[in-house]
Amino acid sequence: MNPSDSVKEPVIGPADLRAAVGAGLLSEAQAAGLSSLAARRRGALESLSSHDEPFELFRGFNEVFIVVGLIILTSGWTGLIGAAALAGGSGVISTLVSFAAVGAVLLWILSEYFVRRRRMVAPAIALTVLWAGNAASGIFAQFSDIWMAVQANYESLTLPMFLTTGAIFLHWLRFRVPFSMAMIALGLFLTALIYAADRAGSPDDLSELFLLSAGGPFAWITLALGALVFVAAMFFDMSDPHRVSRRSANGFWLHIVAAPALVNTIALSLLTHETAAANLALGAVLALIAIVAIVIDRRSFLIAGAGYSVVLAATLSDGSGAATAILTLGAALLLLGSFWERIRSRILGAISELLPLDRLPPSA
């Protein structure tokens, strides 16, 4: 039980809102918005027994219909860009930049309608992805030398990657699409890796991006950015403990990025030792991640980390070892999924003096 639940909150009903409008304290639009927020918050509180983590990709098939239209429209637009680039001869770069500028205007107008006015979920995600791709095409064409990148010289890629991430952030400032948070985090991650590759040399293998014992700073960058993304996710989560606003959705997508970055780096570094002590340490780390996920009430954080651990175990361990690890993880997830609230209530009760429970989702 959340200690704050024992305090009765004053109830403001429809009559109070009408009185506030009549007295000039609120406009009709503000009163309607406040009433809607109160209804959503009551719904969240009343469904705490199931405590299902909010997740929404689309609200109806019409949104899927619009996304398909956007994909077809983008395919046609890409074909026009290709034809214009082939016909442009030596002016390919200026052609790509011009098309990217026009595309940015069109995508912004579409976002104004489908995101800000219609409040659609799936089209908002699709438009965010298209905005990022369009920005990358124009910015990389203008500021990077792709031939140098092919030769493993990444000097010209850091700035365009950072500018592309900035363009996604600009789109988020206007439209507040939660999925943008994941893309911004990935953009910063790629920017840091490209900068490190330019300074320290490119990694010899993809495992160096996650292996702490490897030479170079790549795994440490991954671990640090994973921790920073997790902190950012918790900032959004703790500002909306009842999860009725977009702040909670922002936290959701950041957790999706943070969990694999943290778990993959730690798990891969431990699994390469292939010792009983390393396996025990990995089990302890996964248990700690599970406890953190339960305390913050984020199944998404746990499932993203556990899913990556399964892939790592299947890739790096032998047949029997991989099967045992996957079987254990599967059983643990089923157990947590079945008794999540009961386990969470006991854990919160045991550490109630250490955490600000009023900033966490209430427990039944």
Protein backbone atom coordinates (compact mmCIF):
# COMPACT_ATOMS: atom_id res chain seq x y z
CA MET A 1 0.00 0.00 0.00
CA ASN A 2 1.35 3.38 -0.96
CA PRO A 3 1.51 5.58 2.17
CA SER A 4 0.07 8.47 0.22
CA ASP A 5 -3.09 6.42 -0.45
CA SER A 6 -4.12 6.70 3.20
CA VAL A 7 -4.66 10.45 2.82
CA LYS A 8 -8.05 11.37 1.39
CA GLU A 9 -7.74 13.82 -1.49
CA PRO A 10 -10.36 16.56 -1.89
CA VAL A 11 -12.83 15.76 -4.67
CA ILE A 12 -13.64 18.41 -7.27
CA GLY A 13 -16.77 17.50 -9.19
CA PRO A 14 -18.48 18.82 -12.34
CA ALA A 15 -20.41 21.41 -10.32
CA ASP A 16 -17.14 22.85 -8.98
CA LEU A 17 -15.73 23.09 -12.51
CA ARG A 18 -18.85 24.88 -13.74
CA ALA A 19 -18.56 27.29 -10.82
CA ALA A 20 -14.90 27.92 -11.64
CA VAL A 21 -15.81 28.70 -15.25
CA GLY A 22 -18.58 31.03 -14.10
CA ALA A 23 -16.20 32.83 -11.75
CA GLY A 24 -13.65 33.30 -14.53
CA LEU A 25 -11.01 31.09 -12.85
CA LEU A 26 -11.00 28.61 -15.72
CA SER A 27 -11.96 28.76 -19.37
CA GLU A 28 -14.34 26.14 -20.75
CA ALA A 29 -11.45 24.47 -22.59
CA GLN A 30 -9.38 24.31 -19.40
CA ALA A 31 -12.31 22.88 -17.45
CA ALA A 32 -12.87 20.21 -20.12
CA GLY A 33 -9.17 19.32 -20.10
CA LEU A 34 -9.11 19.08 -16.31
CA SER A 35 -12.21 16.87 -16.33
CA SER A 36 -10.62 14.59 -18.94
CA LEU A 37 -7.39 14.32 -16.94
CA ALA A 38 -9.31 13.49 -13.77
CA ALA A 39 -11.25 10.75 -15.59
CA ARG A 40 -8.06 9.19 -16.96
CA ARG A 41 -6.41 9.35 -13.54
CA ARG A 42 -9.41 7.72 -11.86
CA GLY A 43 -9.33 4.99 -14.48
CA ALA A 44 -5.66 4.36 -13.79
CA LEU A 45 -6.23 4.22 -10.03
CA GLU A 46 -9.25 1.93 -10.33
CA SER A 47 -7.32 -0.56 -12.49
CA LEU A 48 -4.33 -0.84 -10.16
CA SER A 49 -5.24 -4.42 -9.30
CA SER A 50 -4.28 -5.60 -12.79
CA HIS A 51 -1.47 -3.05 -13.02
CA ASP A 52 -0.89 -3.67 -16.70
CA GLU A 53 1.87 -1.44 -18.05
CA PRO A 54 0.42 1.05 -20.57
CA PHE A 55 1.46 0.31 -24.15
CA GLU A 56 -0.14 1.53 -27.36
CA LEU A 57 1.02 1.28 -30.97
CA PHE A 58 -2.28 2.14 -32.67
CA ARG A 59 -5.85 2.94 -31.69
CA GLY A 60 -7.73 1.50 -34.62
CA PHE A 61 -7.35 0.07 -38.09
CA ASN A 62 -7.76 3.50 -39.63
CA GLU A 63 -4.35 4.38 -38.18
CA VAL A 64 -2.86 1.31 -39.85
CA PHE A 65 -4.56 2.41 -43.07
CA ILE A 66 -2.92 5.83 -42.82
CA VAL A 67 0.49 4.32 -42.07
CA VAL A 68 0.22 2.16 -45.20
CA GLY A 69 -0.63 5.31 -47.15
CA LEU A 70 2.44 7.05 -45.71
CA ILE A 71 4.66 4.11 -46.69
CA ILE A 72 3.34 4.12 -50.27
CA LEU A 73 3.70 7.90 -50.44
CA THR A 74 7.29 7.62 -49.20
CA SER A 75 8.06 4.94 -51.79
CA GLY A 76 6.88 7.22 -54.57
CA TRP A 77 8.81 10.16 -53.13
CA THR A 78 11.97 8.03 -52.92
CA GLY A 79 11.52 7.04 -56.56
CA LEU A 80 11.29 10.70 -57.55
CA ILE A 81 14.49 11.46 -55.62
CA GLY A 82 16.31 8.61 -57.37
CA ALA A 83 15.17 9.74 -60.81
CA ALA A 84 16.11 13.36 -60.11
CA ALA A 85 19.52 12.36 -58.75
CA LEU A 86 20.28 10.30 -61.85
CA ALA A 87 19.23 13.17 -64.09
CA GLY A 88 21.13 15.74 -62.03
CA GLY A 89 24.58 14.57 -63.06
CA SER A 90 27.20 16.41 -61.01
CA GLY A 91 24.51 18.16 -58.94
CA VAL A 92 23.46 15.05 -57.01
CA ILE A 93 24.21 16.55 -53.60
CA SER A 94 22.23 19.73 -54.24
CA THR A 95 19.35 17.59 -55.57
CA LEU A 96 19.30 15.43 -52.43
CA VAL A 97 19.47 18.47 -50.15
CA SER A 98 16.64 20.21 -52.05
CA PHE A 99 14.39 17.16 -51.89
CA ALA A 100 15.16 16.76 -48.19
CA ALA A 101 14.17 20.38 -47.55
CA VAL A 102 10.87 19.97 -49.41
CA GLY A 103 10.29 16.64 -47.66
CA ALA A 104 10.87 18.26 -44.26
CA VAL A 105 8.16 20.84 -44.99
CA LEU A 106 5.69 18.17 -46.14
CA LEU A 107 6.40 15.91 -43.15
CA TRP A 108 6.00 18.83 -40.77
CA ILE A 109 2.58 19.67 -42.27
CA LEU A 110 1.50 16.03 -42.06
CA SER A 111 2.66 15.91 -38.44
CA GLU A 112 0.68 19.03 -37.62
CA TYR A 113 -2.46 17.29 -38.87
CA PHE A 114 -2.05 13.67 -37.81
CA VAL A 115 -0.11 14.22 -34.54
CA ARG A 116 -1.17 17.55 -33.08
CA ARG A 117 -4.71 17.70 -34.45
CA ARG A 118 -5.81 14.05 -34.82
CA ARG A 119 -3.65 12.70 -31.94
CA MET A 120 -2.97 9.47 -33.81
CA VAL A 121 -0.42 7.03 -32.38
CA ALA A 122 0.77 4.84 -35.27
CA PRO A 123 1.00 7.70 -37.80
CA ALA A 124 2.95 9.71 -35.20
CA ILE A 125 5.53 6.91 -34.95
CA ALA A 126 5.69 6.52 -38.73
CA LEU A 127 6.09 10.27 -39.29
CA THR A 128 8.86 10.41 -36.68
CA VAL A 129 10.76 7.65 -38.48
CA LEU A 130 10.22 9.35 -41.84
CA TRP A 131 11.32 12.70 -40.41
CA ALA A 132 14.53 11.10 -39.10
CA GLY A 133 15.25 9.38 -42.40
CA ASN A 134 14.55 12.52 -44.42
CA ALA A 135 16.75 14.63 -42.12
CA ALA A 136 19.57 12.08 -42.33
CA SER A 137 19.43 11.98 -46.14
CA GLY A 138 19.74 15.75 -46.49
CA ILE A 139 22.23 16.35 -43.67
CA PHE A 140 24.56 13.48 -44.58
CA ALA A 141 24.49 14.51 -48.23
CA GLN A 142 25.47 18.04 -47.27
CA PHE A 143 28.02 17.47 -44.51
CA SER A 144 29.56 14.01 -44.91
CA ASP A 145 31.94 12.26 -47.26
CA ILE A 146 30.55 8.75 -47.73
CA TRP A 147 33.70 7.61 -49.55
CA MET A 148 35.79 8.48 -46.49
CA ALA A 149 33.40 6.45 -44.34
CA VAL A 150 33.82 3.46 -46.63
CA GLN A 151 37.58 3.75 -46.02
CA ALA A 152 36.94 3.61 -42.23
CA ASN A 153 37.61 7.34 -41.84
CA TYR A 154 34.70 8.55 -39.73
CA GLU A 155 35.79 12.17 -39.32
CA SER A 156 33.03 13.49 -41.60
CA LEU A 157 30.21 11.47 -39.98
CA THR A 158 30.17 12.81 -36.42
CA LEU A 159 28.66 16.22 -37.21
CA PRO A 160 25.87 14.98 -39.53
CA MET A 161 24.92 12.25 -37.04
CA PHE A 162 24.69 14.83 -34.28
CA LEU A 163 22.69 17.22 -36.49
CA THR A 164 20.29 14.43 -37.44
CA THR A 165 19.73 13.69 -33.75
CA GLY A 166 19.13 17.41 -33.22
CA ALA A 167 16.52 17.39 -35.99
CA ILE A 168 14.68 14.53 -34.25
CA PHE A 169 14.83 16.48 -30.98
CA LEU A 170 13.37 19.53 -32.75
CA HIS A 171 10.49 17.37 -34.01
CA TRP A 172 9.91 16.08 -30.46
CA LEU A 173 9.85 19.62 -29.04
CA ARG A 174 6.94 20.45 -31.31
CA PHE A 175 4.96 17.20 -31.45
CA ARG A 176 6.03 15.33 -28.27
CA VAL A 177 5.89 11.89 -29.87
CA PRO A 178 7.17 9.49 -27.17
CA PHE A 179 8.80 7.18 -29.73
CA SER A 180 11.15 10.08 -30.58
CA MET A 181 12.85 9.53 -27.22
CA ALA A 182 14.13 6.13 -28.35
CA MET A 183 15.40 7.59 -31.62
CA ILE A 184 17.13 10.48 -29.84
CA ALA A 185 18.84 8.06 -27.46
CA LEU A 186 19.98 5.86 -30.36
CA GLY A 187 21.17 8.94 -32.24
CA LEU A 188 23.31 10.07 -29.33
CA PHE A 189 24.62 6.53 -28.95
CA LEU A 190 25.68 6.39 -32.63
CA THR A 191 27.18 9.89 -32.44
CA ALA A 192 29.34 8.90 -29.47
CA LEU A 193 30.46 5.66 -31.14
CA ILE A 194 31.32 7.41 -34.41
CA TYR A 195 33.31 10.04 -32.51
CA ALA A 196 35.15 7.33 -30.58
CA ALA A 197 35.87 5.40 -33.78
CA ASP A 198 37.31 8.54 -35.33
CA ARG A 199 39.55 9.18 -32.31
CA ALA A 200 40.56 5.65 -31.28
CA GLY A 201 40.13 3.69 -34.49
CA SER A 202 37.22 1.58 -35.62
CA PRO A 203 36.45 -1.61 -33.65
CA ASP A 204 37.76 -4.85 -35.11
CA ASP A 205 34.58 -6.68 -34.20
CA LEU A 206 31.02 -5.76 -33.21
CA SER A 207 31.59 -7.41 -29.82
CA GLU A 208 33.96 -4.57 -28.92
CA LEU A 209 30.91 -2.29 -28.69
CA PHE A 210 29.81 -4.28 -25.64
CA LEU A 211 32.87 -6.14 -24.34
CA LEU A 212 34.41 -4.23 -21.42
CA SER A 213 37.65 -6.20 -21.64
CA ALA A 214 38.18 -5.23 -25.29
CA GLY A 215 40.51 -2.46 -26.32
CA GLY A 216 39.01 0.94 -26.96
CA PRO A 217 36.32 2.96 -25.24
CA PHE A 218 33.30 1.58 -27.08
CA ALA A 219 31.87 -0.73 -24.41
CA TRP A 220 32.34 1.91 -21.71
CA ILE A 221 30.48 4.42 -23.90
CA THR A 222 27.65 1.91 -24.33
CA LEU A 223 27.48 1.29 -20.58
CA ALA A 224 27.58 5.01 -19.71
CA LEU A 225 24.93 5.97 -22.26
CA GLY A 226 22.73 3.08 -21.09
CA ALA A 227 22.94 4.42 -17.54
CA LEU A 228 22.20 7.99 -18.66
CA VAL A 229 19.20 6.86 -20.73
CA PHE A 230 17.90 4.93 -17.72
CA VAL A 231 18.20 8.07 -15.55
CA ALA A 232 16.31 10.07 -18.18
CA ALA A 233 13.61 7.39 -18.29
CA MET A 234 13.24 7.54 -14.51
CA PHE A 235 12.93 11.33 -14.67
CA PHE A 236 9.88 10.97 -16.91
CA ASP A 237 8.48 8.03 -14.90
CA MET A 238 8.75 9.78 -11.53
CA SER A 239 7.04 12.89 -12.88
CA ASP A 240 4.01 10.77 -13.82
CA PRO A 241 3.69 7.88 -11.32
CA HIS A 242 0.06 7.14 -12.29
CA ARG A 243 1.05 6.95 -15.97
CA VAL A 244 -1.72 8.97 -17.51
CA SER A 245 0.33 11.36 -19.66
CA ARG A 246 2.90 11.26 -22.45
CA ARG A 247 5.71 11.58 -19.92
CA SER A 248 5.18 7.96 -18.96
CA ALA A 249 5.26 6.92 -22.62
CA ASN A 250 8.55 8.80 -23.02
CA GLY A 251 9.94 6.76 -20.14
CA PHE A 252 8.68 3.53 -21.71
CA TRP A 253 10.63 4.04 -24.94
CA LEU A 254 13.77 5.14 -23.09
CA HIS A 255 13.66 1.96 -21.00
CA ILE A 256 13.48 -0.05 -24.23
CA VAL A 257 16.83 1.48 -25.25
CA ALA A 258 18.47 1.51 -21.81
CA ALA A 259 17.88 -2.14 -20.91
CA PRO A 260 19.71 -3.77 -23.87
CA ALA A 261 22.61 -1.30 -23.58
CA LEU A 262 23.11 -2.12 -19.90
CA VAL A 263 22.34 -5.82 -19.95
CA ASN A 264 24.16 -6.61 -23.19
CA THR A 265 27.38 -4.92 -22.04
CA ILE A 266 27.42 -6.60 -18.62
CA ALA A 267 26.17 -9.99 -19.83
CA LEU A 268 28.54 -10.24 -22.79
CA SER A 269 31.51 -9.24 -20.63
CA LEU A 270 30.65 -11.96 -18.09
CA LEU A 271 29.70 -14.72 -20.54
CA THR A 272 33.05 -14.54 -22.33
CA HIS A 273 34.81 -15.80 -19.18
CA GLU A 274 32.91 -19.12 -19.33
CA THR A 275 33.46 -19.84 -15.62
CA ALA A 276 31.06 -20.81 -12.85
CA ALA A 277 31.84 -17.56 -11.01
CA ALA A 278 31.03 -15.51 -14.10
CA ASN A 279 27.74 -17.36 -14.56
CA LEU A 280 26.82 -16.77 -10.92
CA ALA A 281 27.70 -13.08 -11.30
CA LEU A 282 25.51 -12.87 -14.40
CA GLY A 283 22.65 -14.48 -12.49
CA ALA A 284 23.07 -11.93 -9.70
CA VAL A 285 23.08 -9.06 -12.21
CA LEU A 286 19.90 -10.32 -13.88
CA ALA A 287 18.26 -10.74 -10.47
CA LEU A 288 19.19 -7.14 -9.60
CA ILE A 289 17.75 -5.93 -12.92
CA ALA A 290 14.56 -7.86 -12.17
CA ILE A 291 14.27 -6.21 -8.74
CA VAL A 292 14.81 -2.76 -10.27
CA ALA A 293 12.17 -3.46 -12.92
CA ILE A 294 9.70 -4.59 -10.26
CA VAL A 295 10.33 -1.57 -8.05
CA ILE A 296 9.84 0.92 -10.89
CA ASP A 297 7.00 -1.25 -12.26
CA ARG A 298 8.44 -1.50 -15.77
CA ARG A 299 8.01 -4.88 -17.40
CA SER A 300 9.38 -3.34 -20.59
CA PHE A 301 12.76 -2.74 -18.93
CA LEU A 302 12.93 -6.34 -17.75
CA ILE A 303 11.73 -7.99 -20.96
CA ALA A 304 14.15 -5.99 -23.12
CA GLY A 305 17.06 -7.00 -20.93
CA ALA A 306 15.97 -10.62 -20.56
CA GLY A 307 15.35 -10.98 -24.29
CA TYR A 308 18.87 -9.80 -25.05
CA SER A 309 20.27 -12.19 -22.44
CA VAL A 310 18.53 -15.10 -24.16
CA VAL A 311 20.11 -14.16 -27.48
CA LEU A 312 23.54 -13.87 -25.86
CA ALA A 313 23.22 -17.18 -24.06
CA ALA A 314 22.13 -18.97 -27.25
CA THR A 315 25.00 -17.38 -29.21
CA LEU A 316 27.91 -17.73 -26.80
CA SER A 317 27.14 -20.81 -24.68
CA ASP A 318 27.23 -24.49 -25.64
CA GLY A 319 24.05 -26.46 -26.25
CA SER A 320 23.28 -27.61 -22.71
CA GLY A 321 24.41 -24.35 -21.11
CA ALA A 322 22.31 -22.23 -23.45
CA ALA A 323 19.26 -24.46 -22.96
CA THR A 324 19.60 -24.27 -19.16
CA ALA A 325 19.96 -20.47 -19.20
CA ILE A 326 16.98 -20.00 -21.52
CA LEU A 327 14.84 -22.44 -19.49
CA THR A 328 15.69 -20.58 -16.26
CA LEU A 329 14.92 -17.18 -17.75
CA GLY A 330 11.62 -18.40 -19.20
CA ALA A 331 10.51 -19.86 -15.87
CA ALA A 332 11.50 -16.68 -14.05
CA LEU A 333 9.51 -14.49 -16.46
CA LEU A 334 6.41 -16.69 -16.12
CA LEU A 335 6.70 -16.54 -12.34
CA LEU A 336 7.06 -12.75 -12.33
CA GLY A 337 4.24 -12.30 -14.84
CA SER A 338 1.88 -14.39 -12.71
CA PHE A 339 2.67 -12.83 -9.32
CA TRP A 340 4.06 -9.40 -10.29
CA GLU A 341 1.87 -7.33 -7.99
CA ARG A 342 2.26 -9.63 -5.02
CA ILE A 343 6.05 -9.70 -5.38
CA ARG A 344 6.17 -5.94 -5.94
CA SER A 345 4.07 -5.25 -2.87
CA ARG A 346 6.40 -7.29 -0.67
CA ILE A 347 9.56 -5.69 -2.10
CA LEU A 348 8.18 -2.17 -1.69
CA GLY A 349 7.12 -2.99 1.85
CA ALA A 350 10.64 -4.15 2.67
CA ILE A 351 12.36 -1.03 1.28
CA SER A 352 9.63 1.56 1.93
CA GLU A 353 11.94 3.62 4.14
CA LEU A 354 14.58 3.90 1.41
CA LEU A 355 12.52 5.07 -1.57
CA PRO A 356 10.12 7.95 -2.30
CA LEU A 357 7.06 5.74 -2.84
CA ASP A 358 4.93 8.75 -3.76
CA ARG A 359 7.06 9.11 -6.91
CA LEU A 360 6.58 5.48 -7.91
CA PRO A 361 3.45 3.75 -9.26
CA PRO A 362 1.22 2.78 -6.33
CA SER A 363 1.12 -0.86 -5.31
CA ALA A 364 -2.07 -2.73 -4.53
